[in-house]
Amino acid sequence: MAADMRKKPAAAWVLFLVVALSLASCSHHRSVAGTYVASAGGLQIALTLNDDGTWTGEIGGGQGGGTYTVSGDTLVLSQTGSSVVQRATIQGDRLILRHGAVSLTFAKRSPQPSASTSGAPSATGTG
C-alpha cells in the first residue's frame, strides 16, 4: 500500500507537467493568418496567409501562391511549382521580407466589417 501511495503523487506530477508543457507550447503559437499589404515601385502587393498554411499573393494583376510555415519569428514561404523559398521576419502585425539589399515591409490589413455586423441599416423594406 505504501508503494501505491508513492506512485499516485508521482503520476499526478507527471500529468501536471504534461499539461503545463502542452499549454506553454500552445501559448507561444500565434496565428499570422490575414492579409498583409506593401507598396513597391508604385505597385500594391497583397499577401494573404490562410489558417490552413497556404498563401496567395497579388502584385500588379499577377497572382501566385503556395504554402507557409512559422518557426519562431520567421515565416517561410514556399511557392507552388518552385524550389524557391522566401523568408520573412514577423514583427507584431508586420512582415519584413529581405531579398539581398532590398527590404519590403508588409503591414497587416485590418479586417473589413461585414454588412451584417457593421450596424448599417438593411436595404430590405417591408413595403
N, C-alpha and C. Protein backbone atom coordinates (compact mmCIF):
# COMPACT_ATOMS: atom_id res chain seq x y z
N MET A 1 0.81 -1.19 0.00
CA MET A 1 0.00 0.00 0.00
C MET A 1 0.86 1.26 0.00
N ALA A 2 1.98 1.23 0.67
CA ALA A 2 2.87 2.38 0.71
C ALA A 2 3.42 2.68 -0.67
N ALA A 3 3.67 1.64 -1.47
CA ALA A 3 4.16 1.85 -2.84
C ALA A 3 3.11 2.53 -3.69
N ASP A 4 1.82 2.15 -3.49
CA ASP A 4 0.74 2.79 -4.23
C ASP A 4 0.62 4.26 -3.87
N MET A 5 0.83 4.61 -2.61
CA MET A 5 0.74 6.00 -2.16
C MET A 5 1.84 6.84 -2.82
N ARG A 6 3.02 6.24 -3.01
CA ARG A 6 4.11 6.97 -3.63
C ARG A 6 3.89 7.14 -5.13
N LYS A 7 3.24 6.17 -5.78
CA LYS A 7 3.01 6.23 -7.22
C LYS A 7 1.99 7.30 -7.58
N LYS A 8 0.97 7.48 -6.75
CA LYS A 8 -0.08 8.45 -7.07
C LYS A 8 0.45 9.88 -7.13
N PRO A 9 1.23 10.33 -6.14
CA PRO A 9 1.76 11.70 -6.28
C PRO A 9 2.70 11.83 -7.48
N ALA A 10 3.49 10.80 -7.77
CA ALA A 10 4.39 10.87 -8.92
C ALA A 10 3.58 10.95 -10.21
N ALA A 11 2.53 10.15 -10.30
CA ALA A 11 1.69 10.19 -11.50
C ALA A 11 1.00 11.54 -11.63
N ALA A 12 0.57 12.11 -10.53
CA ALA A 12 -0.07 13.43 -10.56
C ALA A 12 0.91 14.49 -11.05
N TRP A 13 2.16 14.42 -10.61
CA TRP A 13 3.17 15.39 -11.05
C TRP A 13 3.47 15.23 -12.54
N VAL A 14 3.55 13.99 -13.00
CA VAL A 14 3.81 13.75 -14.41
C VAL A 14 2.66 14.32 -15.24
N LEU A 15 1.42 14.07 -14.82
CA LEU A 15 0.26 14.60 -15.52
C LEU A 15 0.29 16.13 -15.51
N PHE A 16 0.60 16.73 -14.38
CA PHE A 16 0.67 18.18 -14.28
C PHE A 16 1.72 18.74 -15.24
N LEU A 17 2.90 18.11 -15.29
CA LEU A 17 3.96 18.59 -16.17
C LEU A 17 3.56 18.47 -17.64
N VAL A 18 2.91 17.37 -18.01
CA VAL A 18 2.48 17.20 -19.40
C VAL A 18 1.48 18.28 -19.78
N VAL A 19 0.50 18.54 -18.92
CA VAL A 19 -0.50 19.57 -19.20
C VAL A 19 0.16 20.95 -19.25
N ALA A 20 1.04 21.25 -18.31
CA ALA A 20 1.70 22.56 -18.27
C ALA A 20 2.55 22.78 -19.51
N LEU A 21 3.31 21.77 -19.92
CA LEU A 21 4.14 21.91 -21.11
C LEU A 21 3.29 22.06 -22.37
N SER A 22 2.17 21.35 -22.44
CA SER A 22 1.29 21.48 -23.59
C SER A 22 0.71 22.88 -23.68
N LEU A 23 0.28 23.41 -22.55
CA LEU A 23 -0.28 24.77 -22.54
C LEU A 23 0.79 25.80 -22.87
N ALA A 24 1.99 25.60 -22.37
CA ALA A 24 3.07 26.55 -22.65
C ALA A 24 3.42 26.55 -24.13
N SER A 25 3.45 25.38 -24.76
CA SER A 25 3.79 25.35 -26.18
C SER A 25 2.68 25.97 -27.01
N CYS A 26 1.43 25.81 -26.60
CA CYS A 26 0.32 26.44 -27.33
C CYS A 26 0.33 27.95 -27.17
N SER A 27 0.75 28.43 -26.02
CA SER A 27 0.70 29.87 -25.80
C SER A 27 1.72 30.61 -26.66
N HIS A 28 2.76 29.92 -27.13
CA HIS A 28 3.75 30.58 -27.98
C HIS A 28 3.38 30.55 -29.46
N HIS A 29 2.40 29.69 -29.81
CA HIS A 29 1.98 29.60 -31.20
C HIS A 29 0.96 30.70 -31.46
N ARG A 30 1.24 31.52 -32.42
CA ARG A 30 0.32 32.60 -32.74
C ARG A 30 -0.07 32.50 -34.21
N SER A 31 -1.24 32.92 -34.48
CA SER A 31 -1.70 32.88 -35.86
C SER A 31 -1.19 34.12 -36.58
N VAL A 32 -0.66 33.90 -37.77
CA VAL A 32 -0.23 35.00 -38.61
C VAL A 32 -1.22 35.20 -39.76
N ALA A 33 -2.30 34.42 -39.72
CA ALA A 33 -3.28 34.48 -40.80
C ALA A 33 -3.82 35.89 -40.96
N GLY A 34 -4.06 36.27 -42.20
CA GLY A 34 -4.59 37.59 -42.52
C GLY A 34 -3.99 38.08 -43.82
N THR A 35 -4.38 39.28 -44.21
CA THR A 35 -3.86 39.88 -45.43
C THR A 35 -2.90 41.00 -45.08
N TYR A 36 -1.74 40.95 -45.70
CA TYR A 36 -0.68 41.93 -45.48
C TYR A 36 -0.45 42.68 -46.80
N VAL A 37 -0.20 43.97 -46.70
CA VAL A 37 -0.01 44.78 -47.91
C VAL A 37 1.29 45.58 -47.83
N ALA A 38 1.86 45.81 -49.01
CA ALA A 38 3.07 46.63 -49.13
C ALA A 38 3.00 47.33 -50.48
N SER A 39 3.78 48.38 -50.62
CA SER A 39 3.89 49.09 -51.90
C SER A 39 5.34 49.10 -52.32
N ALA A 40 5.54 48.87 -53.62
CA ALA A 40 6.90 48.91 -54.16
C ALA A 40 6.83 49.31 -55.62
N GLY A 41 7.58 50.31 -56.00
CA GLY A 41 7.62 50.75 -57.38
C GLY A 41 6.26 51.16 -57.92
N GLY A 42 5.43 51.74 -57.07
CA GLY A 42 4.10 52.16 -57.50
C GLY A 42 3.07 51.04 -57.57
N LEU A 43 3.45 49.85 -57.20
CA LEU A 43 2.52 48.72 -57.20
C LEU A 43 2.15 48.33 -55.78
N GLN A 44 0.90 47.94 -55.59
CA GLN A 44 0.49 47.41 -54.29
C GLN A 44 0.62 45.90 -54.34
N ILE A 45 1.21 45.35 -53.30
CA ILE A 45 1.41 43.92 -53.19
C ILE A 45 0.57 43.43 -52.02
N ALA A 46 -0.24 42.40 -52.25
CA ALA A 46 -1.06 41.83 -51.19
C ALA A 46 -0.64 40.38 -50.98
N LEU A 47 -0.45 40.01 -49.74
CA LEU A 47 -0.08 38.65 -49.36
C LEU A 47 -1.10 38.18 -48.35
N THR A 48 -1.84 37.12 -48.67
CA THR A 48 -2.85 36.58 -47.77
C THR A 48 -2.38 35.24 -47.24
N LEU A 49 -2.28 35.15 -45.92
CA LEU A 49 -1.91 33.91 -45.24
C LEU A 49 -3.17 33.29 -44.64
N ASN A 50 -3.45 32.06 -45.02
CA ASN A 50 -4.64 31.37 -44.52
C ASN A 50 -4.28 30.49 -43.33
N ASP A 51 -5.28 30.22 -42.48
CA ASP A 51 -5.07 29.39 -41.30
C ASP A 51 -4.60 27.98 -41.63
N ASP A 52 -4.87 27.49 -42.84
CA ASP A 52 -4.50 26.12 -43.21
C ASP A 52 -3.06 25.99 -43.70
N GLY A 53 -2.28 27.07 -43.62
CA GLY A 53 -0.88 27.00 -44.02
C GLY A 53 -0.64 27.28 -45.49
N THR A 54 -1.66 27.81 -46.19
CA THR A 54 -1.48 28.19 -47.58
C THR A 54 -1.44 29.71 -47.69
N TRP A 55 -0.87 30.19 -48.79
CA TRP A 55 -0.83 31.64 -49.02
C TRP A 55 -1.12 31.93 -50.48
N THR A 56 -1.63 33.14 -50.70
CA THR A 56 -1.81 33.66 -52.05
C THR A 56 -1.25 35.07 -52.08
N GLY A 57 -0.76 35.47 -53.24
CA GLY A 57 -0.21 36.80 -53.37
C GLY A 57 -0.64 37.43 -54.68
N GLU A 58 -0.76 38.75 -54.66
CA GLU A 58 -1.12 39.51 -55.86
C GLU A 58 -0.18 40.70 -55.97
N ILE A 59 0.30 40.91 -57.20
CA ILE A 59 1.11 42.08 -57.48
C ILE A 59 0.83 42.50 -58.92
N GLY A 60 0.33 43.70 -59.08
CA GLY A 60 0.06 44.25 -60.41
C GLY A 60 -0.76 43.34 -61.31
N GLY A 61 -1.75 42.67 -60.78
CA GLY A 61 -2.59 41.79 -61.58
C GLY A 61 -2.09 40.37 -61.67
N GLY A 62 -0.85 40.12 -61.31
CA GLY A 62 -0.31 38.76 -61.30
C GLY A 62 -0.59 38.09 -59.97
N GLN A 63 -0.72 36.78 -59.99
CA GLN A 63 -1.02 36.05 -58.77
C GLN A 63 -0.08 34.87 -58.59
N GLY A 64 0.10 34.47 -57.35
CA GLY A 64 0.89 33.31 -57.02
C GLY A 64 0.38 32.72 -55.72
N GLY A 65 1.00 31.65 -55.30
CA GLY A 65 0.58 31.04 -54.05
C GLY A 65 1.45 29.85 -53.71
N GLY A 66 1.15 29.28 -52.57
CA GLY A 66 1.90 28.13 -52.10
C GLY A 66 1.56 27.82 -50.66
N THR A 67 2.57 27.37 -49.93
CA THR A 67 2.38 27.03 -48.52
C THR A 67 3.37 27.84 -47.67
N TYR A 68 3.07 27.91 -46.37
CA TYR A 68 3.98 28.60 -45.46
C TYR A 68 4.05 27.85 -44.14
N THR A 69 5.15 28.09 -43.43
CA THR A 69 5.31 27.59 -42.07
C THR A 69 5.85 28.74 -41.22
N VAL A 70 5.67 28.61 -39.93
CA VAL A 70 6.18 29.60 -38.98
C VAL A 70 7.12 28.87 -38.02
N SER A 71 8.30 29.42 -37.86
CA SER A 71 9.27 28.89 -36.92
C SER A 71 9.79 30.06 -36.09
N GLY A 72 9.30 30.18 -34.87
CA GLY A 72 9.68 31.32 -34.03
C GLY A 72 9.15 32.60 -34.65
N ASP A 73 10.04 33.53 -34.94
CA ASP A 73 9.66 34.80 -35.57
C ASP A 73 9.93 34.81 -37.06
N THR A 74 10.07 33.62 -37.65
CA THR A 74 10.36 33.53 -39.07
C THR A 74 9.20 32.87 -39.81
N LEU A 75 8.77 33.52 -40.87
CA LEU A 75 7.76 32.99 -41.77
C LEU A 75 8.50 32.47 -42.99
N VAL A 76 8.23 31.22 -43.37
CA VAL A 76 8.89 30.61 -44.51
C VAL A 76 7.83 30.34 -45.58
N LEU A 77 7.97 31.01 -46.73
CA LEU A 77 7.02 30.88 -47.84
C LEU A 77 7.63 30.01 -48.93
N SER A 78 6.88 29.00 -49.35
CA SER A 78 7.27 28.14 -50.47
C SER A 78 6.25 28.33 -51.57
N GLN A 79 6.72 28.58 -52.78
CA GLN A 79 5.82 28.82 -53.90
C GLN A 79 5.53 27.51 -54.62
N THR A 80 4.25 27.30 -54.96
CA THR A 80 3.84 26.12 -55.68
C THR A 80 4.59 26.02 -57.00
N GLY A 81 5.13 24.84 -57.29
CA GLY A 81 5.83 24.62 -58.55
C GLY A 81 7.23 25.17 -58.61
N SER A 82 7.77 25.60 -57.49
CA SER A 82 9.11 26.20 -57.48
C SER A 82 9.88 25.70 -56.26
N SER A 83 11.18 25.65 -56.37
CA SER A 83 12.00 25.28 -55.22
C SER A 83 12.46 26.51 -54.44
N VAL A 84 12.07 27.69 -54.91
CA VAL A 84 12.46 28.93 -54.25
C VAL A 84 11.70 29.08 -52.93
N VAL A 85 12.43 29.42 -51.88
CA VAL A 85 11.86 29.64 -50.55
C VAL A 85 12.18 31.08 -50.15
N GLN A 86 11.19 31.79 -49.65
CA GLN A 86 11.39 33.17 -49.18
C GLN A 86 11.12 33.21 -47.69
N ARG A 87 11.95 33.91 -46.96
CA ARG A 87 11.78 34.05 -45.51
C ARG A 87 11.44 35.49 -45.17
N ALA A 88 10.60 35.63 -44.16
CA ALA A 88 10.24 36.96 -43.66
C ALA A 88 10.34 36.93 -42.14
N THR A 89 10.64 38.07 -41.58
CA THR A 89 10.67 38.22 -40.12
C THR A 89 9.32 38.76 -39.67
N ILE A 90 8.75 38.13 -38.65
CA ILE A 90 7.47 38.57 -38.10
C ILE A 90 7.76 39.55 -36.97
N GLN A 91 7.22 40.76 -37.10
CA GLN A 91 7.36 41.78 -36.06
C GLN A 91 5.98 42.35 -35.77
N GLY A 92 5.29 41.75 -34.81
CA GLY A 92 3.92 42.18 -34.49
C GLY A 92 3.01 41.93 -35.67
N ASP A 93 2.37 43.00 -36.17
CA ASP A 93 1.48 42.90 -37.33
C ASP A 93 2.19 43.28 -38.62
N ARG A 94 3.50 43.09 -38.65
CA ARG A 94 4.29 43.40 -39.85
C ARG A 94 5.14 42.18 -40.23
N LEU A 95 5.34 42.06 -41.53
CA LEU A 95 6.25 41.05 -42.07
C LEU A 95 7.34 41.79 -42.82
N ILE A 96 8.58 41.49 -42.55
CA ILE A 96 9.70 42.13 -43.24
C ILE A 96 10.38 41.07 -44.10
N LEU A 97 10.26 41.23 -45.42
CA LEU A 97 10.92 40.35 -46.38
C LEU A 97 12.20 41.02 -46.82
N ARG A 98 13.29 40.28 -46.83
CA ARG A 98 14.57 40.79 -47.32
C ARG A 98 15.03 39.91 -48.45
N HIS A 99 15.41 40.55 -49.52
CA HIS A 99 15.96 39.83 -50.67
C HIS A 99 17.19 40.60 -51.12
N GLY A 100 18.34 40.11 -50.70
CA GLY A 100 19.58 40.84 -50.97
C GLY A 100 19.57 42.15 -50.21
N ALA A 101 19.78 43.24 -50.92
CA ALA A 101 19.81 44.57 -50.28
C ALA A 101 18.42 45.18 -50.18
N VAL A 102 17.41 44.52 -50.74
CA VAL A 102 16.05 45.06 -50.75
C VAL A 102 15.28 44.55 -49.55
N SER A 103 14.60 45.45 -48.86
CA SER A 103 13.75 45.11 -47.73
C SER A 103 12.35 45.62 -48.01
N LEU A 104 11.36 44.78 -47.82
CA LEU A 104 9.97 45.14 -48.08
C LEU A 104 9.15 44.85 -46.83
N THR A 105 8.44 45.86 -46.32
CA THR A 105 7.65 45.70 -45.11
C THR A 105 6.17 45.61 -45.46
N PHE A 106 5.55 44.53 -45.05
CA PHE A 106 4.12 44.31 -45.24
C PHE A 106 3.42 44.61 -43.92
N ALA A 107 2.33 45.38 -43.97
CA ALA A 107 1.53 45.68 -42.79
C ALA A 107 0.22 44.90 -42.87
N LYS A 108 -0.19 44.34 -41.74
CA LYS A 108 -1.43 43.57 -41.72
C LYS A 108 -2.61 44.50 -41.90
N ARG A 109 -3.45 44.16 -42.85
CA ARG A 109 -4.65 44.95 -43.14
C ARG A 109 -5.71 44.60 -42.10
N SER A 110 -6.36 45.63 -41.57
CA SER A 110 -7.44 45.41 -40.61
C SER A 110 -8.59 44.73 -41.32
N PRO A 111 -9.23 43.77 -40.64
CA PRO A 111 -10.39 43.12 -41.26
C PRO A 111 -11.49 44.13 -41.55
N GLN A 112 -12.13 43.99 -42.69
CA GLN A 112 -13.24 44.87 -43.06
C GLN A 112 -14.51 44.35 -42.40
N PRO A 113 -15.29 45.23 -41.75
CA PRO A 113 -16.52 44.76 -41.13
C PRO A 113 -17.51 44.33 -42.21
N SER A 114 -18.21 43.24 -41.92
CA SER A 114 -19.22 42.79 -42.88
C SER A 114 -20.48 43.62 -42.72
N ALA A 115 -21.32 43.63 -43.73
CA ALA A 115 -22.55 44.43 -43.70
C ALA A 115 -23.46 44.02 -42.56
N SER A 116 -23.43 42.71 -42.21
CA SER A 116 -24.34 42.24 -41.16
C SER A 116 -23.87 42.65 -39.77
N THR A 117 -22.59 42.99 -39.62
CA THR A 117 -22.09 43.35 -38.29
C THR A 117 -21.74 44.83 -38.18
N SER A 118 -21.90 45.59 -39.25
CA SER A 118 -21.46 46.97 -39.22
C SER A 118 -22.48 47.90 -38.58
N GLY A 119 -23.70 47.40 -38.36
CA GLY A 119 -24.72 48.25 -37.77
C GLY A 119 -25.40 49.13 -38.80
N ALA A 120 -25.06 48.98 -40.08
CA ALA A 120 -25.68 49.77 -41.13
C ALA A 120 -27.10 49.29 -41.34
N PRO A 121 -28.00 50.20 -41.69
CA PRO A 121 -29.38 49.79 -41.91
C PRO A 121 -29.49 48.83 -43.08
N SER A 122 -30.44 47.92 -42.99
CA SER A 122 -30.65 46.94 -44.02
C SER A 122 -31.33 47.58 -45.22
N ALA A 123 -31.03 47.06 -46.42
CA ALA A 123 -31.62 47.61 -47.64
C ALA A 123 -32.99 47.01 -47.92
N THR A 124 -33.38 46.03 -47.12
CA THR A 124 -34.69 45.43 -47.36
C THR A 124 -35.77 46.22 -46.65
N GLY A 125 -36.93 46.26 -47.24
CA GLY A 125 -38.04 47.00 -46.65
C GLY A 125 -39.24 46.10 -46.46
N THR A 126 -40.26 46.65 -45.82
CA THR A 126 -41.46 45.86 -45.57
C THR A 126 -42.61 46.33 -46.45
N GLY A 127 -42.40 47.06 -47.51
CA GLY A 127 -43.27 47.66 -48.47
C GLY A 127 -44.60 47.17 -48.57
